[in-house]
Amino acid sequence: MDTEKDKIERMVHFIGFRGDEYNSAVKIWGQPDFIHPVHDRRAYIEIDIENDIIIFAGKERPDILSKYRREYTDMKGNKLNGRK
């Protein structure tokens, strides 16, 4: 019996993975739909918290948001800080 929940497409998000840790996660979960360098507020633009699967690397914690900030060109309409 199909339910509405069965029809929801779940995306897999890797947060904070590097090197061998990433390769090990791919063996278990397959290729992620999204890769986030750190667990920060920006990641939640792409995460559907109720439906997606979020996999945290060893140093990342679900209860701690990183204060790490970097410029994301995709959030700035692909403008590179006024540079052409």
PDB file of N, CA and C in Angstrom:
ATOM      1  N   MET A   1       0.837  -1.172   0.000  1.00  0.00           N
ATOM      2  CA  MET A   1       0.000   0.000   0.000  1.00  0.00           C
ATOM      3  C   MET A   1       0.886   1.241   0.000  1.00  0.00           C
ATOM      4  N   ASP A   2       0.729   2.098  -1.016  1.00  0.00           N
ATOM      5  CA  ASP A   2       1.488   3.347  -1.100  1.00  0.00           C
ATOM      6  C   ASP A   2       0.830   4.415  -0.245  1.00  0.00           C
ATOM      7  N   THR A   3       1.643   5.114   0.493  1.00  0.00           N
ATOM      8  CA  THR A   3       1.158   6.258   1.260  1.00  0.00           C
ATOM      9  C   THR A   3       1.835   7.503   0.719  1.00  0.00           C
ATOM     10  N   GLU A   4       1.343   8.664   1.104  1.00  0.00           N
ATOM     11  CA  GLU A   4       1.970   9.915   0.671  1.00  0.00           C
ATOM     12  C   GLU A   4       3.439   9.956   1.066  1.00  0.00           C
ATOM     13  N   LYS A   5       3.761   9.466   2.252  1.00  0.00           N
ATOM     14  CA  LYS A   5       5.133   9.495   2.737  1.00  0.00           C
ATOM     15  C   LYS A   5       6.052   8.653   1.847  1.00  0.00           C
ATOM     16  N   ASP A   6       5.534   7.550   1.282  1.00  0.00           N
ATOM     17  CA  ASP A   6       6.335   6.703   0.400  1.00  0.00           C
ATOM     18  C   ASP A   6       6.698   7.417  -0.899  1.00  0.00           C
ATOM     19  N   LYS A   7       5.914   8.413  -1.287  1.00  0.00           N
ATOM     20  CA  LYS A   7       6.123   9.111  -2.552  1.00  0.00           C
ATOM     21  C   LYS A   7       7.088  10.278  -2.435  1.00  0.00           C
ATOM     22  N   ILE A   8       7.471  10.644  -1.223  1.00  0.00           N
ATOM     23  CA  ILE A   8       8.376  11.767  -1.017  1.00  0.00           C
ATOM     24  C   ILE A   8       9.792  11.378  -1.429  1.00  0.00           C
ATOM     25  N   GLU A   9      10.404  12.224  -2.249  1.00  0.00           N
ATOM     26  CA  GLU A   9      11.788  11.976  -2.648  1.00  0.00           C
ATOM     27  C   GLU A   9      12.709  12.483  -1.551  1.00  0.00           C
ATOM     28  N   ARG A  10      13.503  11.602  -1.002  1.00  0.00           N
ATOM     29  CA  ARG A  10      14.429  11.958   0.065  1.00  0.00           C
ATOM     30  C   ARG A  10      15.814  12.186  -0.531  1.00  0.00           C
ATOM     31  N   MET A  11      16.396  13.300  -0.175  1.00  0.00           N
ATOM     32  CA  MET A  11      17.745  13.625  -0.619  1.00  0.00           C
ATOM     33  C   MET A  11      18.727  13.261   0.489  1.00  0.00           C
ATOM     34  N   VAL A  12      19.927  12.866   0.091  1.00  0.00           N
ATOM     35  CA  VAL A  12      20.975  12.542   1.055  1.00  0.00           C
ATOM     36  C   VAL A  12      21.972  13.694   1.084  1.00  0.00           C
ATOM     37  N   HIS A  13      22.239  14.190   2.289  1.00  0.00           N
ATOM     38  CA  HIS A  13      23.174  15.303   2.494  1.00  0.00           C
ATOM     39  C   HIS A  13      24.351  14.807   3.326  1.00  0.00           C
ATOM     40  N   PHE A  14      25.569  15.029   2.843  1.00  0.00           N
ATOM     41  CA  PHE A  14      26.775  14.760   3.615  1.00  0.00           C
ATOM     42  C   PHE A  14      27.257  16.092   4.174  1.00  0.00           C
ATOM     43  N   ILE A  15      27.554  16.120   5.460  1.00  0.00           N
ATOM     44  CA  ILE A  15      28.023  17.348   6.086  1.00  0.00           C
ATOM     45  C   ILE A  15      29.399  17.118   6.708  1.00  0.00           C
ATOM     46  N   GLY A  16      30.396  17.870   6.215  1.00  0.00           N
ATOM     47  CA  GLY A  16      31.726  17.869   6.798  1.00  0.00           C
ATOM     48  C   GLY A  16      32.631  16.708   6.428  1.00  0.00           C
ATOM     49  N   PHE A  17      32.315  15.960   5.399  1.00  0.00           N
ATOM     50  CA  PHE A  17      33.134  14.803   5.032  1.00  0.00           C
ATOM     51  C   PHE A  17      34.355  15.200   4.227  1.00  0.00           C
ATOM     52  N   ARG A  18      35.465  14.496   4.470  1.00  0.00           N
ATOM     53  CA  ARG A  18      36.717  14.714   3.755  1.00  0.00           C
ATOM     54  C   ARG A  18      37.384  13.353   3.516  1.00  0.00           C
ATOM     55  N   GLY A  19      38.097  13.221   2.429  1.00  0.00           N
ATOM     56  CA  GLY A  19      38.961  12.077   2.158  1.00  0.00           C
ATOM     57  C   GLY A  19      38.353  10.704   2.379  1.00  0.00           C
ATOM     58  N   ASP A  20      39.057   9.871   3.142  1.00  0.00           N
ATOM     59  CA  ASP A  20      38.632   8.487   3.365  1.00  0.00           C
ATOM     60  C   ASP A  20      37.278   8.400   4.064  1.00  0.00           C
ATOM     61  N   GLU A  21      37.010   9.350   4.921  1.00  0.00           N
ATOM     62  CA  GLU A  21      35.728   9.385   5.620  1.00  0.00           C
ATOM     63  C   GLU A  21      34.582   9.513   4.601  1.00  0.00           C
ATOM     64  N   TYR A  22      34.789  10.349   3.604  1.00  0.00           N
ATOM     65  CA  TYR A  22      33.809  10.526   2.533  1.00  0.00           C
ATOM     66  C   TYR A  22      33.636   9.217   1.752  1.00  0.00           C
ATOM     67  N   ASN A  23      34.747   8.607   1.375  1.00  0.00           N
ATOM     68  CA  ASN A  23      34.692   7.360   0.605  1.00  0.00           C
ATOM     69  C   ASN A  23      33.966   6.262   1.370  1.00  0.00           C
ATOM     70  N   SER A  24      34.184   6.175   2.666  1.00  0.00           N
ATOM     71  CA  SER A  24      33.494   5.184   3.489  1.00  0.00           C
ATOM     72  C   SER A  24      31.994   5.455   3.529  1.00  0.00           C
ATOM     73  N   ALA A  25      31.618   6.717   3.646  1.00  0.00           N
ATOM     74  CA  ALA A  25      30.198   7.074   3.673  1.00  0.00           C
ATOM     75  C   ALA A  25      29.518   6.741   2.350  1.00  0.00           C
ATOM     76  N   VAL A  26      30.213   6.956   1.239  1.00  0.00           N
ATOM     77  CA  VAL A  26      29.653   6.635  -0.076  1.00  0.00           C
ATOM     78  C   VAL A  26      29.396   5.129  -0.192  1.00  0.00           C
ATOM     79  N   LYS A  27      30.279   4.311   0.366  1.00  0.00           N
ATOM     80  CA  LYS A  27      30.085   2.855   0.330  1.00  0.00           C
ATOM     81  C   LYS A  27      28.802   2.454   1.051  1.00  0.00           C
ATOM     82  N   ILE A  28      28.457   3.168   2.094  1.00  0.00           N
ATOM     83  CA  ILE A  28      27.264   2.845   2.878  1.00  0.00           C
ATOM     84  C   ILE A  28      26.005   3.491   2.305  1.00  0.00           C
ATOM     85  N   TRP A  29      26.060   4.785   2.003  1.00  0.00           N
ATOM     86  CA  TRP A  29      24.882   5.557   1.630  1.00  0.00           C
ATOM     87  C   TRP A  29      24.743   5.801   0.137  1.00  0.00           C
ATOM     88  N   GLY A  30      25.805   5.524  -0.644  1.00  0.00           N
ATOM     89  CA  GLY A  30      25.794   5.883  -2.056  1.00  0.00           C
ATOM     90  C   GLY A  30      26.209   7.340  -2.209  1.00  0.00           C
ATOM     91  N   GLN A  31      26.236   7.810  -3.439  1.00  0.00           N
ATOM     92  CA  GLN A  31      26.621   9.202  -3.699  1.00  0.00           C
ATOM     93  C   GLN A  31      25.584  10.138  -3.090  1.00  0.00           C
ATOM     94  N   PRO A  32      26.028  11.188  -2.402  1.00  0.00           N
ATOM     95  CA  PRO A  32      25.073  12.132  -1.818  1.00  0.00           C
ATOM     96  C   PRO A  32      24.464  13.034  -2.896  1.00  0.00           C
ATOM     97  N   ASP A  33      23.291  13.544  -2.604  1.00  0.00           N
ATOM     98  CA  ASP A  33      22.673  14.527  -3.489  1.00  0.00           C
ATOM     99  C   ASP A  33      23.271  15.914  -3.246  1.00  0.00           C
ATOM    100  N   PHE A  34      23.701  16.152  -2.003  1.00  0.00           N
ATOM    101  CA  PHE A  34      24.304  17.429  -1.624  1.00  0.00           C
ATOM    102  C   PHE A  34      25.503  17.171  -0.729  1.00  0.00           C
ATOM    103  N   ILE A  35      26.529  18.007  -0.885  1.00  0.00           N
ATOM    104  CA  ILE A  35      27.697  17.960  -0.011  1.00  0.00           C
ATOM    105  C   ILE A  35      27.849  19.343   0.612  1.00  0.00           C
ATOM    106  N   HIS A  36      27.871  19.391   1.931  1.00  0.00           N
ATOM    107  CA  HIS A  36      28.026  20.648   2.652  1.00  0.00           C
ATOM    108  C   HIS A  36      29.361  20.604   3.386  1.00  0.00           C
ATOM    109  N   PRO A  37      30.232  21.610   3.198  1.00  0.00           N
ATOM    110  CA  PRO A  37      31.546  21.571   3.829  1.00  0.00           C
ATOM    111  C   PRO A  37      31.480  21.599   5.352  1.00  0.00           C
ATOM    112  N   VAL A  38      30.488  22.290   5.899  1.00  0.00           N
ATOM    113  CA  VAL A  38      30.308  22.368   7.344  1.00  0.00           C
ATOM    114  C   VAL A  38      28.817  22.399   7.666  1.00  0.00           C
ATOM    115  N   HIS A  39      28.487  22.156   8.914  1.00  0.00           N
ATOM    116  CA  HIS A  39      27.104  22.250   9.387  1.00  0.00           C
ATOM    117  C   HIS A  39      26.845  23.704   9.766  1.00  0.00           C
ATOM    118  N   ASP A  40      26.249  24.438   8.829  1.00  0.00           N
ATOM    119  CA  ASP A  40      25.965  25.847   9.074  1.00  0.00           C
ATOM    120  C   ASP A  40      24.551  26.179   8.611  1.00  0.00           C
ATOM    121  N   ARG A  41      24.135  27.407   8.865  1.00  0.00           N
ATOM    122  CA  ARG A  41      22.776  27.823   8.491  1.00  0.00           C
ATOM    123  C   ARG A  41      22.545  27.731   6.992  1.00  0.00           C
ATOM    124  N   ARG A  42      23.552  27.970   6.218  1.00  0.00           N
ATOM    125  CA  ARG A  42      23.414  27.945   4.766  1.00  0.00           C
ATOM    126  C   ARG A  42      22.973  26.574   4.265  1.00  0.00           C
ATOM    127  N   ALA A  43      23.422  25.512   4.904  1.00  0.00           N
ATOM    128  CA  ALA A  43      23.058  24.151   4.487  1.00  0.00           C
ATOM    129  C   ALA A  43      21.542  23.944   4.509  1.00  0.00           C
ATOM    130  N   TYR A  44      20.859  24.611   5.428  1.00  0.00           N
ATOM    131  CA  TYR A  44      19.414  24.404   5.583  1.00  0.00           C
ATOM    132  C   TYR A  44      18.585  25.084   4.503  1.00  0.00           C
ATOM    133  N   ILE A  45      19.241  25.818   3.612  1.00  0.00           N
ATOM    134  CA  ILE A  45      18.546  26.328   2.427  1.00  0.00           C
ATOM    135  C   ILE A  45      18.184  25.136   1.532  1.00  0.00           C
ATOM    136  N   GLU A  46      19.040  24.121   1.514  1.00  0.00           N
ATOM    137  CA  GLU A  46      18.856  22.966   0.636  1.00  0.00           C
ATOM    138  C   GLU A  46      18.290  21.738   1.349  1.00  0.00           C
ATOM    139  N   ILE A  47      18.287  21.726   2.665  1.00  0.00           N
ATOM    140  CA  ILE A  47      17.829  20.566   3.433  1.00  0.00           C
ATOM    141  C   ILE A  47      16.351  20.688   3.762  1.00  0.00           C
ATOM    142  N   ASP A  48      15.602  19.632   3.448  1.00  0.00           N
ATOM    143  CA  ASP A  48      14.214  19.507   3.907  1.00  0.00           C
ATOM    144  C   ASP A  48      14.290  18.704   5.202  1.00  0.00           C
ATOM    145  N   ILE A  49      14.279  19.392   6.317  1.00  0.00           N
ATOM    146  CA  ILE A  49      14.546  18.778   7.620  1.00  0.00           C
ATOM    147  C   ILE A  49      13.581  17.637   7.949  1.00  0.00           C
ATOM    148  N   GLU A  50      12.382  17.677   7.421  1.00  0.00           N
ATOM    149  CA  GLU A  50      11.393  16.640   7.732  1.00  0.00           C
ATOM    150  C   GLU A  50      11.532  15.400   6.866  1.00  0.00           C
ATOM    151  N   ASN A  51      12.182  15.518   5.711  1.00  0.00           N
ATOM    152  CA  ASN A  51      12.192  14.392   4.777  1.00  0.00           C
ATOM    153  C   ASN A  51      13.575  13.909   4.348  1.00  0.00           C
ATOM    154  N   ASP A  52      14.564  14.776   4.354  1.00  0.00           N
ATOM    155  CA  ASP A  52      15.880  14.390   3.850  1.00  0.00           C
ATOM    156  C   ASP A  52      16.679  13.605   4.887  1.00  0.00           C
ATOM    157  N   ILE A  53      17.695  12.923   4.392  1.00  0.00           N
ATOM    158  CA  ILE A  53      18.612  12.158   5.238  1.00  0.00           C
ATOM    159  C   ILE A  53      19.898  12.967   5.355  1.00  0.00           C
ATOM    160  N   ILE A  54      20.287  13.268   6.589  1.00  0.00           N
ATOM    161  CA  ILE A  54      21.478  14.082   6.833  1.00  0.00           C
ATOM    162  C   ILE A  54      22.522  13.213   7.521  1.00  0.00           C
ATOM    163  N   ILE A  55      23.692  13.086   6.898  1.00  0.00           N
ATOM    164  CA  ILE A  55      24.779  12.269   7.420  1.00  0.00           C
ATOM    165  C   ILE A  55      25.911  13.200   7.847  1.00  0.00           C
ATOM    166  N   PHE A  56      26.282  13.128   9.117  1.00  0.00           N
ATOM    167  CA  PHE A  56      27.327  13.993   9.653  1.00  0.00           C
ATOM    168  C   PHE A  56      28.655  13.245   9.732  1.00  0.00           C
ATOM    169  N   ALA A  57      29.728  13.930   9.318  1.00  0.00           N
ATOM    170  CA  ALA A  57      31.074  13.383   9.460  1.00  0.00           C
ATOM    171  C   ALA A  57      31.453  13.394  10.942  1.00  0.00           C
ATOM    172  N   GLY A  58      32.532  12.704  11.272  1.00  0.00           N
ATOM    173  CA  GLY A  58      32.958  12.535  12.654  1.00  0.00           C
ATOM    174  C   GLY A  58      33.111  13.805  13.461  1.00  0.00           C
ATOM    175  N   LYS A  59      33.600  14.884  12.850  1.00  0.00           N
ATOM    176  CA  LYS A  59      33.840  16.114  13.612  1.00  0.00           C
ATOM    177  C   LYS A  59      32.632  17.044  13.645  1.00  0.00           C
ATOM    178  N   GLU A  60      31.644  16.790  12.816  1.00  0.00           N
ATOM    179  CA  GLU A  60      30.444  17.629  12.791  1.00  0.00           C
ATOM    180  C   GLU A  60      29.418  17.084  13.776  1.00  0.00           C
ATOM    181  N   ARG A  61      28.617  17.975  14.342  1.00  0.00           N
ATOM    182  CA  ARG A  61      27.599  17.568  15.320  1.00  0.00           C
ATOM    183  C   ARG A  61      26.257  18.162  14.925  1.00  0.00           C
ATOM    184  N   PRO A  62      25.203  17.375  14.986  1.00  0.00           N
ATOM    185  CA  PRO A  62      23.882  17.886  14.605  1.00  0.00           C
ATOM    186  C   PRO A  62      23.382  19.013  15.505  1.00  0.00           C
ATOM    187  N   ASP A  63      23.869  19.077  16.724  1.00  0.00           N
ATOM    188  CA  ASP A  63      23.383  20.091  17.660  1.00  0.00           C
ATOM    189  C   ASP A  63      24.238  21.361  17.678  1.00  0.00           C
ATOM    190  N   ILE A  64      25.270  21.417  16.844  1.00  0.00           N
ATOM    191  CA  ILE A  64      26.142  22.599  16.799  1.00  0.00           C
ATOM    192  C   ILE A  64      26.225  23.124  15.373  1.00  0.00           C
ATOM    193  N   LEU A  65      25.810  24.385  15.189  1.00  0.00           N
ATOM    194  CA  LEU A  65      25.960  25.040  13.893  1.00  0.00           C
ATOM    195  C   LEU A  65      27.300  25.756  13.863  1.00  0.00           C
ATOM    196  N   SER A  66      28.029  25.559  12.800  1.00  0.00           N
ATOM    197  CA  SER A  66      29.326  26.207  12.640  1.00  0.00           C
ATOM    198  C   SER A  66      29.147  27.698  12.419  1.00  0.00           C
ATOM    199  N   LYS A  67      30.078  28.475  12.939  1.00  0.00           N
ATOM    200  CA  LYS A  67      30.076  29.909  12.692  1.00  0.00           C
ATOM    201  C   LYS A  67      30.899  30.225  11.454  1.00  0.00           C
ATOM    202  N   TYR A  68      31.406  29.190  10.823  1.00  0.00           N
ATOM    203  CA  TYR A  68      32.169  29.318   9.584  1.00  0.00           C
ATOM    204  C   TYR A  68      31.337  30.059   8.544  1.00  0.00           C
ATOM    205  N   ARG A  69      31.915  31.079   7.953  1.00  0.00           N
ATOM    206  CA  ARG A  69      31.230  31.818   6.900  1.00  0.00           C
ATOM    207  C   ARG A  69      32.142  31.899   5.688  1.00  0.00           C
ATOM    208  N   ARG A  70      31.570  31.679   4.565  1.00  0.00           N
ATOM    209  CA  ARG A  70      32.306  31.920   3.333  1.00  0.00           C
ATOM    210  C   ARG A  70      31.318  32.465   2.321  1.00  0.00           C
ATOM    211  N   GLU A  71      31.807  33.094   1.330  1.00  0.00           N
ATOM    212  CA  GLU A  71      30.930  33.672   0.315  1.00  0.00           C
ATOM    213  C   GLU A  71      30.455  32.564  -0.623  1.00  0.00           C
ATOM    214  N   TYR A  72      29.169  32.480  -0.801  1.00  0.00           N
ATOM    215  CA  TYR A  72      28.581  31.510  -1.715  1.00  0.00           C
ATOM    216  C   TYR A  72      28.061  32.272  -2.920  1.00  0.00           C
ATOM    217  N   THR A  73      28.675  32.066  -4.064  1.00  0.00           N
ATOM    218  CA  THR A  73      28.272  32.815  -5.248  1.00  0.00           C
ATOM    219  C   THR A  73      26.850  32.482  -5.668  1.00  0.00           C
ATOM    220  N   ASP A  74      26.377  31.257  -5.389  1.00  0.00           N
ATOM    221  CA  ASP A  74      25.021  30.907  -5.792  1.00  0.00           C
ATOM    222  C   ASP A  74      23.970  31.689  -5.006  1.00  0.00           C
ATOM    223  N   MET A  75      24.315  32.210  -3.826  1.00  0.00           N
ATOM    224  CA  MET A  75      23.383  32.990  -3.030  1.00  0.00           C
ATOM    225  C   MET A  75      23.445  34.470  -3.400  1.00  0.00           C
ATOM    226  N   LYS A  76      24.399  34.852  -4.195  1.00  0.00           N
ATOM    227  CA  LYS A  76      24.575  36.251  -4.552  1.00  0.00           C
ATOM    228  C   LYS A  76      24.286  36.468  -6.035  1.00  0.00           C
ATOM    229  N   GLY A  77      23.452  35.624  -6.607  1.00  0.00           N
ATOM    230  CA  GLY A  77      23.125  35.779  -8.019  1.00  0.00           C
ATOM    231  C   GLY A  77      24.332  35.639  -8.914  1.00  0.00           C
ATOM    232  N   ASN A  78      25.304  34.836  -8.471  1.00  0.00           N
ATOM    233  CA  ASN A  78      26.542  34.591  -9.206  1.00  0.00           C
ATOM    234  C   ASN A  78      27.387  35.841  -9.395  1.00  0.00           C
ATOM    235  N   LYS A  79      27.203  36.836  -8.539  1.00  0.00           N
ATOM    236  CA  LYS A  79      28.071  38.011  -8.543  1.00  0.00           C
ATOM    237  C   LYS A  79      29.237  37.719  -7.608  1.00  0.00           C
ATOM    238  N   LEU A  80      30.416  37.979  -8.051  1.00  0.00           N
ATOM    239  CA  LEU A  80      31.616  37.704  -7.261  1.00  0.00           C
ATOM    240  C   LEU A  80      32.084  38.967  -6.559  1.00  0.00           C
ATOM    241  N   ASN A  81      31.313  39.399  -5.563  1.00  0.00           N
ATOM    242  CA  ASN A  81      31.681  40.589  -4.779  1.00  0.00           C
ATOM    243  C   ASN A  81      32.026  41.791  -5.657  1.00  0.00           C
ATOM    244  N   GLY A  82      31.251  42.002  -6.684  1.00  0.00           N
ATOM    245  CA  GLY A  82      31.469  43.168  -7.546  1.00  0.00           C
ATOM    246  C   GLY A  82      32.520  42.970  -8.613  1.00  0.00           C
ATOM    247  N   ARG A  83      33.227  41.850  -8.590  1.00  0.00           N
ATOM    248  CA  ARG A  83      34.249  41.587  -9.604  1.00  0.00           C
ATOM    249  C   ARG A  83      33.609  40.969 -10.827  1.00  0.00           C
ATOM    250  N   LYS A  84      34.206  41.201 -11.956  1.00  0.00           N
ATOM    251  CA  LYS A  84      33.679  40.627 -13.203  1.00  0.00           C
ATOM    252  C   LYS A  84      34.462  39.422 -13.600  1.00  0.00           C
TER     253      LYS A  84
END
